């Protein structure tokens, strides 16, 4: 489990692709805290470190992950948000983030708003129904509060700290971001779906 509080902005050193998936090598000081087999969130996607050493780690992304998330187009030199799993006893500073990305959101508009920056992104209606104003979402692994939402879009406001410490500061119209909606909303919908089907029948 993660919290959506980014711990480092890593750099993609190498991407090796094949028909089986992709292998990523990422440089970061956080690698000193990783061992082979440990989980790490890369742009909000929970991956397993296959090799870890001071200065960097390697992780593999299977084809399904590459299809659902924005990890597929990653290239050498790209900046990626990194977070290590929450340990027992540590404070939950953001919100519950599983690292199980639901899909992607595409940045449609970026607007300066005082010291903050508003970011509006389009999302599929299937994912938008799990998004509510003042609720939580994770965009590229960053825990954010939804400032506004519609049937196929959401909006968040980014403070200077977020703009500086994460790759969201570089987001422009057309940027594709990994989206994980609130896990509570997904469970509620699942539990309520039999009742809805009963009412419709």
N, C-alpha and C. Protein backbone atom coordinates (compact mmCIF):
# COMPACT_ATOMS: atom_id res chain seq x y z
N UNK A 1 0.84 -1.19 0.00
CA UNK A 1 0.00 0.00 0.00
C UNK A 1 0.88 1.24 0.00
N UNK A 2 0.40 2.29 -0.67
CA UNK A 2 1.12 3.55 -0.77
C UNK A 2 0.22 4.68 -0.27
N UNK A 3 0.77 5.88 -0.21
CA UNK A 3 0.00 7.02 0.29
C UNK A 3 -0.17 8.12 -0.76
N UNK A 4 0.56 8.04 -1.86
CA UNK A 4 0.48 9.09 -2.87
C UNK A 4 1.36 10.29 -2.56
N UNK A 5 2.25 10.16 -1.57
CA UNK A 5 3.23 11.20 -1.27
C UNK A 5 4.55 10.80 -1.90
N UNK A 6 4.92 11.49 -2.95
CA UNK A 6 6.09 11.13 -3.75
C UNK A 6 7.37 11.38 -2.95
N UNK A 7 8.27 10.38 -2.98
CA UNK A 7 9.50 10.47 -2.20
C UNK A 7 10.71 10.89 -3.03
N UNK A 8 10.64 10.65 -4.34
CA UNK A 8 11.75 11.07 -5.19
C UNK A 8 11.28 11.13 -6.64
N UNK A 9 11.96 11.95 -7.40
CA UNK A 9 11.73 12.05 -8.84
C UNK A 9 12.88 11.32 -9.51
N UNK A 10 12.63 10.08 -9.91
CA UNK A 10 13.69 9.27 -10.52
C UNK A 10 13.83 9.56 -11.99
N UNK A 11 14.90 9.00 -12.58
CA UNK A 11 15.16 9.19 -14.01
C UNK A 11 15.28 7.83 -14.68
N UNK A 12 14.57 7.67 -15.78
CA UNK A 12 14.65 6.42 -16.55
C UNK A 12 16.01 6.36 -17.24
N UNK A 13 16.79 5.34 -16.91
CA UNK A 13 18.12 5.18 -17.52
C UNK A 13 18.08 4.30 -18.75
N UNK A 14 17.17 3.33 -18.75
CA UNK A 14 17.12 2.39 -19.86
C UNK A 14 15.75 1.73 -19.92
N UNK A 15 15.25 1.49 -21.13
CA UNK A 15 14.02 0.76 -21.35
C UNK A 15 14.30 -0.33 -22.38
N UNK A 16 14.08 -1.58 -21.99
CA UNK A 16 14.25 -2.70 -22.91
C UNK A 16 12.89 -3.32 -23.18
N UNK A 17 12.46 -3.33 -24.44
CA UNK A 17 11.13 -3.84 -24.79
C UNK A 17 11.25 -5.12 -25.61
N UNK A 18 10.28 -5.99 -25.42
CA UNK A 18 10.18 -7.21 -26.21
C UNK A 18 8.71 -7.58 -26.31
N UNK A 19 8.40 -8.68 -26.98
CA UNK A 19 7.01 -9.12 -27.08
C UNK A 19 6.47 -9.58 -25.73
N UNK A 20 7.36 -9.82 -24.77
CA UNK A 20 6.95 -10.28 -23.45
C UNK A 20 6.61 -9.15 -22.49
N UNK A 21 7.07 -7.92 -22.80
CA UNK A 21 6.85 -6.79 -21.90
C UNK A 21 8.01 -5.81 -21.98
N UNK A 22 8.27 -5.14 -20.87
CA UNK A 22 9.35 -4.15 -20.85
C UNK A 22 10.11 -4.24 -19.53
N UNK A 23 11.40 -3.97 -19.62
CA UNK A 23 12.25 -3.90 -18.42
C UNK A 23 12.75 -2.47 -18.29
N UNK A 24 12.56 -1.90 -17.11
CA UNK A 24 12.96 -0.52 -16.86
C UNK A 24 14.14 -0.48 -15.89
N UNK A 25 15.08 0.41 -16.14
CA UNK A 25 16.11 0.72 -15.15
C UNK A 25 15.97 2.18 -14.79
N UNK A 26 15.83 2.46 -13.49
CA UNK A 26 15.56 3.80 -13.00
C UNK A 26 16.60 4.19 -11.97
N UNK A 27 17.17 5.37 -12.12
CA UNK A 27 18.15 5.86 -11.15
C UNK A 27 17.45 6.67 -10.07
N UNK A 28 17.81 6.40 -8.81
CA UNK A 28 17.22 7.10 -7.67
C UNK A 28 17.97 6.73 -6.40
N UNK A 29 18.14 7.67 -5.48
CA UNK A 29 18.73 7.34 -4.19
C UNK A 29 17.89 6.37 -3.38
N UNK A 30 16.59 6.27 -3.69
CA UNK A 30 15.71 5.35 -2.97
C UNK A 30 16.12 3.90 -3.16
N UNK A 31 16.91 3.63 -4.19
CA UNK A 31 17.32 2.25 -4.45
C UNK A 31 18.09 1.66 -3.27
N UNK A 32 18.73 2.52 -2.47
CA UNK A 32 19.47 2.04 -1.31
C UNK A 32 18.55 1.41 -0.27
N UNK A 33 17.25 1.72 -0.35
CA UNK A 33 16.28 1.16 0.59
C UNK A 33 15.52 -0.04 0.01
N UNK A 34 15.86 -0.43 -1.21
CA UNK A 34 15.17 -1.51 -1.89
C UNK A 34 16.00 -2.79 -1.90
N UNK A 35 15.31 -3.91 -1.87
CA UNK A 35 15.91 -5.22 -2.11
C UNK A 35 15.14 -5.90 -3.23
N UNK A 36 15.76 -6.86 -3.86
CA UNK A 36 15.07 -7.61 -4.91
C UNK A 36 13.79 -8.21 -4.35
N UNK A 37 12.69 -8.01 -5.04
CA UNK A 37 11.39 -8.49 -4.59
C UNK A 37 10.54 -7.45 -3.91
N UNK A 38 11.13 -6.30 -3.58
CA UNK A 38 10.35 -5.24 -2.94
C UNK A 38 9.46 -4.53 -3.95
N UNK A 39 8.35 -3.99 -3.45
CA UNK A 39 7.45 -3.20 -4.28
C UNK A 39 7.90 -1.75 -4.31
N UNK A 40 7.62 -1.09 -5.42
CA UNK A 40 7.88 0.34 -5.57
C UNK A 40 6.87 0.89 -6.56
N UNK A 41 6.32 2.06 -6.28
CA UNK A 41 5.37 2.70 -7.18
C UNK A 41 6.11 3.60 -8.16
N UNK A 42 5.93 3.34 -9.45
CA UNK A 42 6.55 4.13 -10.51
C UNK A 42 5.44 4.83 -11.27
N UNK A 43 5.35 6.14 -11.13
CA UNK A 43 4.23 6.90 -11.70
C UNK A 43 2.90 6.30 -11.29
N UNK A 44 2.86 5.82 -10.04
CA UNK A 44 1.62 5.30 -9.50
C UNK A 44 1.36 3.84 -9.77
N UNK A 45 2.24 3.18 -10.52
CA UNK A 45 2.08 1.77 -10.85
C UNK A 45 2.95 0.94 -9.90
N UNK A 46 2.34 0.01 -9.20
CA UNK A 46 3.08 -0.86 -8.30
C UNK A 46 3.86 -1.89 -9.09
N UNK A 47 5.20 -1.81 -9.03
CA UNK A 47 6.09 -2.75 -9.70
C UNK A 47 6.97 -3.45 -8.68
N UNK A 48 7.57 -4.53 -9.07
CA UNK A 48 8.48 -5.27 -8.21
C UNK A 48 9.91 -5.04 -8.67
N UNK A 49 10.76 -4.63 -7.74
CA UNK A 49 12.18 -4.43 -8.06
C UNK A 49 12.82 -5.80 -8.28
N UNK A 50 13.36 -6.03 -9.46
CA UNK A 50 14.03 -7.30 -9.75
C UNK A 50 15.51 -7.23 -9.42
N UNK A 51 16.09 -6.06 -9.55
CA UNK A 51 17.48 -5.79 -9.19
C UNK A 51 17.51 -4.46 -8.48
N UNK A 52 18.21 -4.38 -7.37
CA UNK A 52 18.33 -3.12 -6.63
C UNK A 52 19.76 -2.95 -6.14
N UNK A 53 20.32 -1.78 -6.38
CA UNK A 53 21.66 -1.45 -5.92
C UNK A 53 21.72 0.04 -5.68
N UNK A 54 22.75 0.48 -4.97
CA UNK A 54 22.88 1.92 -4.74
C UNK A 54 22.87 2.65 -6.07
N UNK A 55 21.97 3.59 -6.19
CA UNK A 55 21.92 4.40 -7.40
C UNK A 55 20.81 4.05 -8.36
N UNK A 56 20.23 2.85 -8.24
CA UNK A 56 19.17 2.52 -9.18
C UNK A 56 18.56 1.15 -8.95
N UNK A 57 17.49 0.87 -9.66
CA UNK A 57 16.83 -0.43 -9.60
C UNK A 57 16.24 -0.76 -10.96
N UNK A 58 15.94 -2.05 -11.13
CA UNK A 58 15.28 -2.51 -12.34
C UNK A 58 13.93 -3.11 -11.97
N UNK A 59 12.98 -2.97 -12.88
CA UNK A 59 11.64 -3.54 -12.68
C UNK A 59 11.09 -3.93 -14.03
N UNK A 60 10.19 -4.91 -14.02
CA UNK A 60 9.58 -5.38 -15.24
C UNK A 60 8.10 -5.00 -15.27
N UNK A 61 7.62 -4.66 -16.46
CA UNK A 61 6.20 -4.34 -16.66
C UNK A 61 5.65 -5.28 -17.71
N UNK A 62 4.63 -6.07 -17.33
CA UNK A 62 4.04 -7.01 -18.28
C UNK A 62 3.17 -6.26 -19.29
N UNK A 63 2.77 -6.98 -20.33
CA UNK A 63 2.03 -6.34 -21.42
C UNK A 63 0.73 -5.69 -20.95
N UNK A 64 0.01 -6.34 -20.05
CA UNK A 64 -1.25 -5.76 -19.57
C UNK A 64 -1.00 -4.42 -18.89
N UNK A 65 0.07 -4.33 -18.10
CA UNK A 65 0.42 -3.07 -17.45
C UNK A 65 0.73 -2.00 -18.49
N UNK A 66 1.45 -2.38 -19.52
CA UNK A 66 1.81 -1.42 -20.56
C UNK A 66 0.59 -0.93 -21.32
N UNK A 67 -0.43 -1.79 -21.44
CA UNK A 67 -1.65 -1.41 -22.16
C UNK A 67 -2.54 -0.48 -21.34
N UNK A 68 -2.63 -0.73 -20.04
CA UNK A 68 -3.55 0.02 -19.19
C UNK A 68 -2.96 1.35 -18.73
N UNK A 69 -1.65 1.40 -18.54
CA UNK A 69 -1.00 2.58 -17.95
C UNK A 69 -0.22 3.37 -18.99
N UNK A 70 0.42 4.42 -18.52
CA UNK A 70 1.24 5.26 -19.40
C UNK A 70 2.71 4.88 -19.36
N UNK A 71 3.04 3.71 -18.81
CA UNK A 71 4.44 3.29 -18.75
C UNK A 71 4.98 2.88 -20.12
N UNK A 72 4.09 2.48 -21.01
CA UNK A 72 4.52 2.01 -22.33
C UNK A 72 5.41 2.97 -23.09
N UNK A 73 5.05 4.25 -23.18
CA UNK A 73 5.86 5.19 -23.96
C UNK A 73 7.10 5.74 -23.24
N UNK A 74 7.36 5.30 -22.00
CA UNK A 74 8.51 5.84 -21.28
C UNK A 74 9.80 5.69 -22.09
N UNK A 75 10.66 6.70 -21.99
CA UNK A 75 11.91 6.69 -22.73
C UNK A 75 13.06 7.13 -21.82
N UNK A 76 14.26 6.85 -22.25
CA UNK A 76 15.44 7.24 -21.50
C UNK A 76 15.43 8.74 -21.22
N UNK A 77 15.67 9.10 -19.98
CA UNK A 77 15.70 10.51 -19.59
C UNK A 77 14.41 11.02 -18.99
N UNK A 78 13.32 10.25 -19.12
CA UNK A 78 12.04 10.67 -18.56
C UNK A 78 12.10 10.67 -17.03
N UNK A 79 11.40 11.63 -16.42
CA UNK A 79 11.30 11.71 -14.96
C UNK A 79 10.08 10.93 -14.51
N UNK A 80 10.23 10.14 -13.46
CA UNK A 80 9.12 9.33 -12.95
C UNK A 80 8.97 9.53 -11.45
N UNK A 81 7.71 9.60 -11.00
CA UNK A 81 7.42 9.72 -9.57
C UNK A 81 7.64 8.37 -8.90
N UNK A 82 8.32 8.40 -7.75
CA UNK A 82 8.63 7.16 -7.04
C UNK A 82 8.16 7.23 -5.60
N UNK A 83 7.62 6.11 -5.12
CA UNK A 83 7.23 6.01 -3.71
C UNK A 83 7.45 4.57 -3.25
N UNK A 84 8.03 4.42 -2.07
CA UNK A 84 8.18 3.12 -1.45
C UNK A 84 6.91 2.80 -0.67
N UNK A 85 6.63 1.52 -0.43
CA UNK A 85 5.40 1.16 0.29
C UNK A 85 5.37 1.73 1.70
N UNK A 86 4.15 1.96 2.18
CA UNK A 86 3.94 2.42 3.54
C UNK A 86 4.30 1.30 4.51
N UNK A 87 5.07 1.63 5.53
CA UNK A 87 5.44 0.65 6.54
C UNK A 87 4.55 0.81 7.76
N UNK A 88 4.33 -0.30 8.47
CA UNK A 88 3.49 -0.28 9.66
C UNK A 88 4.02 0.75 10.65
N UNK A 89 3.12 1.58 11.17
CA UNK A 89 3.49 2.60 12.13
C UNK A 89 3.78 3.95 11.53
N UNK A 90 3.94 4.02 10.20
CA UNK A 90 4.18 5.31 9.56
C UNK A 90 2.85 6.03 9.34
N UNK A 91 2.87 7.37 9.34
CA UNK A 91 1.62 8.12 9.15
C UNK A 91 1.10 8.01 7.73
N UNK A 92 -0.22 7.93 7.60
CA UNK A 92 -0.87 7.93 6.29
C UNK A 92 -1.13 9.38 5.91
N UNK A 93 -0.15 9.99 5.25
CA UNK A 93 -0.23 11.43 4.99
C UNK A 93 -1.08 11.80 3.80
N UNK A 94 -1.23 10.90 2.84
CA UNK A 94 -2.04 11.20 1.67
C UNK A 94 -3.38 10.50 1.77
N UNK A 95 -3.59 9.48 0.92
CA UNK A 95 -4.78 8.62 1.05
C UNK A 95 -4.36 7.21 0.64
N UNK A 96 -5.24 6.26 0.81
CA UNK A 96 -4.90 4.87 0.48
C UNK A 96 -4.75 4.72 -1.03
N UNK A 97 -3.54 4.43 -1.46
CA UNK A 97 -3.23 4.22 -2.87
C UNK A 97 -2.68 2.81 -3.02
N UNK A 98 -3.29 2.01 -3.88
CA UNK A 98 -2.88 0.63 -4.03
C UNK A 98 -1.77 0.42 -5.06
N UNK A 99 -1.64 1.38 -5.97
CA UNK A 99 -0.70 1.17 -7.06
C UNK A 99 -1.31 0.34 -8.18
N UNK A 100 -2.63 0.15 -8.12
CA UNK A 100 -3.36 -0.58 -9.15
C UNK A 100 -4.09 0.44 -10.02
N UNK A 101 -3.44 0.86 -11.07
CA UNK A 101 -3.96 1.93 -11.93
C UNK A 101 -5.21 1.46 -12.66
N UNK A 102 -6.23 2.31 -12.67
CA UNK A 102 -7.50 1.99 -13.31
C UNK A 102 -7.50 2.31 -14.80
N UNK A 103 -6.69 3.29 -15.18
CA UNK A 103 -6.65 3.73 -16.57
C UNK A 103 -5.83 5.01 -16.65
N UNK A 104 -6.04 5.76 -17.71
CA UNK A 104 -5.28 6.99 -17.88
C UNK A 104 -6.20 8.20 -18.02
N UNK A 105 -5.63 9.35 -17.76
CA UNK A 105 -6.31 10.63 -17.94
C UNK A 105 -5.41 11.50 -18.81
N UNK A 106 -5.99 12.23 -19.73
CA UNK A 106 -5.20 13.09 -20.62
C UNK A 106 -5.41 14.55 -20.25
N UNK A 107 -4.31 15.23 -20.01
CA UNK A 107 -4.39 16.65 -19.65
C UNK A 107 -5.00 17.44 -20.80
N UNK A 108 -6.05 18.19 -20.49
CA UNK A 108 -6.74 18.99 -21.51
C UNK A 108 -6.42 20.47 -21.38
N UNK A 109 -6.19 20.91 -20.14
CA UNK A 109 -6.00 22.35 -19.90
C UNK A 109 -5.15 22.56 -18.66
N UNK A 110 -4.23 23.50 -18.74
CA UNK A 110 -3.40 23.89 -17.61
C UNK A 110 -3.55 25.40 -17.41
N UNK A 111 -3.95 25.80 -16.21
CA UNK A 111 -4.22 27.22 -15.93
C UNK A 111 -3.52 27.65 -14.66
N UNK A 112 -2.80 28.76 -14.74
CA UNK A 112 -2.15 29.31 -13.55
C UNK A 112 -3.22 29.95 -12.67
N UNK A 113 -3.10 29.75 -11.36
CA UNK A 113 -4.09 30.27 -10.41
C UNK A 113 -3.35 30.73 -9.16
N UNK A 114 -2.83 31.97 -9.21
CA UNK A 114 -2.03 32.46 -8.10
C UNK A 114 -0.75 31.64 -8.01
N UNK A 115 -0.40 31.16 -6.81
CA UNK A 115 0.80 30.34 -6.69
C UNK A 115 0.52 28.88 -7.07
N UNK A 116 -0.75 28.55 -7.31
CA UNK A 116 -1.12 27.19 -7.67
C UNK A 116 -1.28 27.07 -9.19
N UNK A 117 -1.50 25.84 -9.63
CA UNK A 117 -1.74 25.59 -11.05
C UNK A 117 -2.89 24.59 -11.16
N UNK A 118 -3.93 24.97 -11.89
CA UNK A 118 -5.06 24.06 -12.08
C UNK A 118 -4.83 23.18 -13.30
N UNK A 119 -5.13 21.91 -13.13
CA UNK A 119 -4.93 20.94 -14.20
C UNK A 119 -6.26 20.23 -14.43
N UNK A 120 -6.77 20.33 -15.66
CA UNK A 120 -8.00 19.64 -16.02
C UNK A 120 -7.66 18.51 -16.99
N UNK A 121 -8.21 17.33 -16.73
CA UNK A 121 -7.90 16.17 -17.56
C UNK A 121 -9.18 15.44 -17.94
N UNK A 122 -9.19 14.88 -19.13
CA UNK A 122 -10.33 14.09 -19.58
C UNK A 122 -10.13 12.64 -19.15
N UNK A 123 -11.22 12.01 -18.76
CA UNK A 123 -11.19 10.60 -18.34
C UNK A 123 -12.40 9.90 -18.93
N UNK A 124 -12.36 8.60 -19.00
CA UNK A 124 -13.51 7.86 -19.52
C UNK A 124 -14.66 7.97 -18.53
N UNK A 125 -15.92 7.98 -19.02
CA UNK A 125 -17.07 8.04 -18.12
C UNK A 125 -17.07 6.89 -17.11
N UNK A 126 -16.53 5.73 -17.50
CA UNK A 126 -16.49 4.59 -16.59
C UNK A 126 -15.64 4.88 -15.36
N UNK A 127 -14.56 5.64 -15.55
CA UNK A 127 -13.71 6.01 -14.42
C UNK A 127 -14.21 7.28 -13.74
N UNK A 128 -14.80 8.18 -14.51
CA UNK A 128 -15.27 9.45 -13.95
C UNK A 128 -16.35 9.24 -12.90
N UNK A 129 -17.10 8.17 -13.00
CA UNK A 129 -18.17 7.96 -12.02
C UNK A 129 -17.62 7.62 -10.64
N UNK A 130 -16.34 7.29 -10.54
CA UNK A 130 -15.71 7.02 -9.25
C UNK A 130 -15.01 8.26 -8.68
N UNK A 131 -15.18 9.39 -9.36
CA UNK A 131 -14.51 10.63 -8.95
C UNK A 131 -15.54 11.62 -8.43
N UNK A 132 -15.31 12.18 -7.25
CA UNK A 132 -16.23 13.16 -6.68
C UNK A 132 -15.45 14.39 -6.22
N UNK A 133 -16.10 15.53 -6.27
CA UNK A 133 -15.48 16.76 -5.78
C UNK A 133 -15.10 16.61 -4.31
N UNK A 134 -13.93 17.10 -3.99
CA UNK A 134 -13.34 17.05 -2.65
C UNK A 134 -12.93 15.63 -2.26
N UNK A 135 -13.08 14.69 -3.19
CA UNK A 135 -12.58 13.34 -2.96
C UNK A 135 -11.12 13.24 -3.36
N UNK A 136 -10.58 12.04 -3.25
CA UNK A 136 -9.16 11.82 -3.56
C UNK A 136 -8.98 11.02 -4.83
N UNK A 137 -7.93 11.34 -5.58
CA UNK A 137 -7.48 10.55 -6.71
C UNK A 137 -5.95 10.53 -6.69
N UNK A 138 -5.38 9.59 -7.41
CA UNK A 138 -3.93 9.58 -7.61
C UNK A 138 -3.67 9.76 -9.09
N UNK A 139 -2.92 10.80 -9.43
CA UNK A 139 -2.50 11.03 -10.81
C UNK A 139 -0.99 10.84 -10.87
N UNK A 140 -0.54 9.88 -11.68
CA UNK A 140 0.86 9.49 -11.73
C UNK A 140 1.41 9.21 -10.34
N UNK A 141 0.54 8.67 -9.49
CA UNK A 141 0.95 8.28 -8.15
C UNK A 141 0.88 9.37 -7.11
N UNK A 142 0.47 10.57 -7.50
CA UNK A 142 0.41 11.71 -6.58
C UNK A 142 -0.99 11.81 -5.97
N UNK A 143 -1.07 11.80 -4.66
CA UNK A 143 -2.36 11.95 -3.97
C UNK A 143 -2.84 13.39 -4.10
N UNK A 144 -4.03 13.54 -4.67
CA UNK A 144 -4.57 14.87 -4.93
C UNK A 144 -6.05 14.93 -4.55
N UNK A 145 -6.50 16.14 -4.23
CA UNK A 145 -7.91 16.39 -3.95
C UNK A 145 -8.58 16.90 -5.21
N UNK A 146 -9.71 16.32 -5.56
CA UNK A 146 -10.45 16.73 -6.75
C UNK A 146 -11.14 18.06 -6.47
N UNK A 147 -10.83 19.09 -7.25
CA UNK A 147 -11.44 20.40 -7.04
C UNK A 147 -12.73 20.57 -7.83
N UNK A 148 -12.86 19.81 -8.91
CA UNK A 148 -14.09 19.84 -9.71
C UNK A 148 -14.12 18.56 -10.54
N UNK A 149 -15.34 18.14 -10.92
CA UNK A 149 -15.47 16.91 -11.69
C UNK A 149 -16.71 16.96 -12.57
N UNK A 150 -16.64 16.30 -13.71
CA UNK A 150 -17.78 16.20 -14.62
C UNK A 150 -17.94 14.76 -15.08
N UNK A 151 -18.75 14.56 -16.11
CA UNK A 151 -19.04 13.20 -16.58
C UNK A 151 -17.84 12.56 -17.26
N UNK A 152 -16.93 13.38 -17.80
CA UNK A 152 -15.76 12.80 -18.47
C UNK A 152 -14.51 13.64 -18.24
N UNK A 153 -14.45 14.31 -17.10
CA UNK A 153 -13.27 15.10 -16.78
C UNK A 153 -13.15 15.29 -15.27
N UNK A 154 -11.95 15.67 -14.86
CA UNK A 154 -11.71 16.04 -13.48
C UNK A 154 -10.70 17.17 -13.45
N UNK A 155 -10.70 17.89 -12.34
CA UNK A 155 -9.77 19.00 -12.19
C UNK A 155 -9.13 18.95 -10.81
N UNK A 156 -7.83 19.23 -10.75
CA UNK A 156 -7.10 19.29 -9.50
C UNK A 156 -6.28 20.58 -9.47
N UNK A 157 -5.93 21.02 -8.27
CA UNK A 157 -5.08 22.19 -8.11
C UNK A 157 -3.76 21.74 -7.50
N UNK A 158 -2.67 22.17 -8.11
CA UNK A 158 -1.34 21.74 -7.70
C UNK A 158 -0.62 22.88 -6.98
N UNK A 159 -0.17 22.62 -5.76
CA UNK A 159 0.57 23.63 -5.01
C UNK A 159 2.03 23.63 -5.47
N UNK A 160 2.78 24.67 -5.15
CA UNK A 160 4.19 24.75 -5.59
C UNK A 160 5.02 23.54 -5.18
N UNK A 161 4.78 22.98 -3.99
CA UNK A 161 5.52 21.82 -3.54
C UNK A 161 5.32 20.64 -4.49
N UNK A 162 4.09 20.43 -4.91
CA UNK A 162 3.79 19.34 -5.84
C UNK A 162 4.41 19.60 -7.21
N UNK A 163 4.35 20.83 -7.66
CA UNK A 163 4.91 21.19 -8.96
C UNK A 163 6.42 20.97 -8.98
N UNK A 164 7.08 21.21 -7.86
CA UNK A 164 8.54 21.09 -7.80
C UNK A 164 9.00 19.65 -7.58
N UNK A 165 8.28 18.89 -6.77
CA UNK A 165 8.76 17.58 -6.34
C UNK A 165 8.26 16.41 -7.19
N UNK A 166 7.31 16.67 -8.11
CA UNK A 166 6.77 15.60 -8.94
C UNK A 166 6.81 15.97 -10.41
N UNK A 167 6.56 14.98 -11.25
CA UNK A 167 6.57 15.27 -12.69
C UNK A 167 5.30 15.98 -13.17
N UNK A 168 4.33 16.20 -12.26
CA UNK A 168 3.14 16.94 -12.66
C UNK A 168 3.46 18.40 -12.98
N UNK A 169 4.57 18.89 -12.47
CA UNK A 169 4.99 20.25 -12.81
C UNK A 169 5.33 20.40 -14.28
N UNK A 170 5.57 19.30 -14.95
CA UNK A 170 5.92 19.32 -16.37
C UNK A 170 4.73 18.99 -17.27
N UNK A 171 3.59 18.69 -16.67
CA UNK A 171 2.42 18.27 -17.45
C UNK A 171 1.89 19.42 -18.31
N UNK A 172 1.59 19.11 -19.54
CA UNK A 172 1.04 20.05 -20.50
C UNK A 172 -0.14 19.39 -21.21
N UNK A 173 -0.98 20.19 -21.90
CA UNK A 173 -2.07 19.57 -22.65
C UNK A 173 -1.55 18.45 -23.55
N UNK A 174 -2.20 17.31 -23.46
CA UNK A 174 -1.77 16.14 -24.22
C UNK A 174 -0.99 15.13 -23.39
N UNK A 175 -0.49 15.55 -22.22
CA UNK A 175 0.22 14.63 -21.35
C UNK A 175 -0.74 13.56 -20.82
N UNK A 176 -0.33 12.31 -20.88
CA UNK A 176 -1.15 11.20 -20.40
C UNK A 176 -0.66 10.79 -19.02
N UNK A 177 -1.59 10.74 -18.06
CA UNK A 177 -1.26 10.44 -16.67
C UNK A 177 -1.98 9.18 -16.22
N UNK A 178 -1.32 8.41 -15.35
CA UNK A 178 -1.97 7.25 -14.75
C UNK A 178 -2.98 7.71 -13.72
N UNK A 179 -4.15 7.10 -13.74
CA UNK A 179 -5.23 7.46 -12.83
C UNK A 179 -5.63 6.27 -11.98
N UNK A 180 -5.62 6.47 -10.67
CA UNK A 180 -6.19 5.50 -9.75
C UNK A 180 -7.27 6.21 -8.94
N UNK A 181 -8.49 5.75 -9.06
CA UNK A 181 -9.59 6.36 -8.32
C UNK A 181 -9.63 5.80 -6.90
N UNK A 182 -10.48 6.37 -6.08
CA UNK A 182 -10.58 5.98 -4.68
C UNK A 182 -11.08 4.54 -4.57
N UNK A 183 -10.33 3.70 -3.87
CA UNK A 183 -10.69 2.29 -3.74
C UNK A 183 -12.04 2.12 -3.06
N UNK A 184 -12.40 3.02 -2.16
CA UNK A 184 -13.68 2.92 -1.46
C UNK A 184 -14.83 3.03 -2.45
N UNK A 185 -14.72 3.95 -3.41
CA UNK A 185 -15.78 4.13 -4.41
C UNK A 185 -15.98 2.86 -5.22
N UNK A 186 -14.89 2.18 -5.54
CA UNK A 186 -14.99 0.96 -6.35
C UNK A 186 -15.66 -0.17 -5.57
N UNK A 187 -15.33 -0.29 -4.29
CA UNK A 187 -15.96 -1.32 -3.47
C UNK A 187 -17.45 -1.03 -3.27
N UNK A 188 -17.79 0.23 -3.05
CA UNK A 188 -19.20 0.58 -2.86
C UNK A 188 -20.00 0.25 -4.11
N UNK A 189 -19.46 0.60 -5.27
CA UNK A 189 -20.17 0.30 -6.52
C UNK A 189 -20.36 -1.20 -6.68
N UNK A 190 -19.33 -1.97 -6.37
CA UNK A 190 -19.42 -3.42 -6.50
C UNK A 190 -20.49 -3.99 -5.57
N UNK A 191 -20.51 -3.50 -4.33
CA UNK A 191 -21.48 -4.00 -3.37
C UNK A 191 -22.91 -3.60 -3.72
N UNK A 192 -23.07 -2.42 -4.32
CA UNK A 192 -24.40 -1.92 -4.64
C UNK A 192 -24.93 -2.43 -5.98
N UNK A 193 -24.09 -2.95 -6.83
CA UNK A 193 -24.52 -3.35 -8.17
C UNK A 193 -25.62 -4.41 -8.16
N UNK A 194 -25.63 -5.41 -7.26
CA UNK A 194 -26.77 -6.35 -7.25
C UNK A 194 -28.09 -5.66 -6.96
N UNK A 195 -28.07 -4.67 -6.07
CA UNK A 195 -29.31 -3.95 -5.75
C UNK A 195 -29.78 -3.14 -6.95
N UNK A 196 -28.83 -2.54 -7.69
CA UNK A 196 -29.20 -1.77 -8.85
C UNK A 196 -29.79 -2.66 -9.93
N UNK A 197 -29.18 -3.83 -10.13
CA UNK A 197 -29.72 -4.74 -11.14
C UNK A 197 -31.11 -5.23 -10.74
N UNK A 198 -31.31 -5.41 -9.44
CA UNK A 198 -32.63 -5.86 -8.97
C UNK A 198 -33.68 -4.80 -9.22
N UNK A 199 -33.32 -3.52 -9.02
CA UNK A 199 -34.27 -2.43 -9.25
C UNK A 199 -34.59 -2.29 -10.73
N UNK A 200 -33.62 -2.56 -11.57
CA UNK A 200 -33.82 -2.41 -13.02
C UNK A 200 -34.60 -3.55 -13.63
N UNK A 201 -34.63 -4.69 -12.95
CA UNK A 201 -35.32 -5.87 -13.49
C UNK A 201 -36.84 -5.82 -13.23
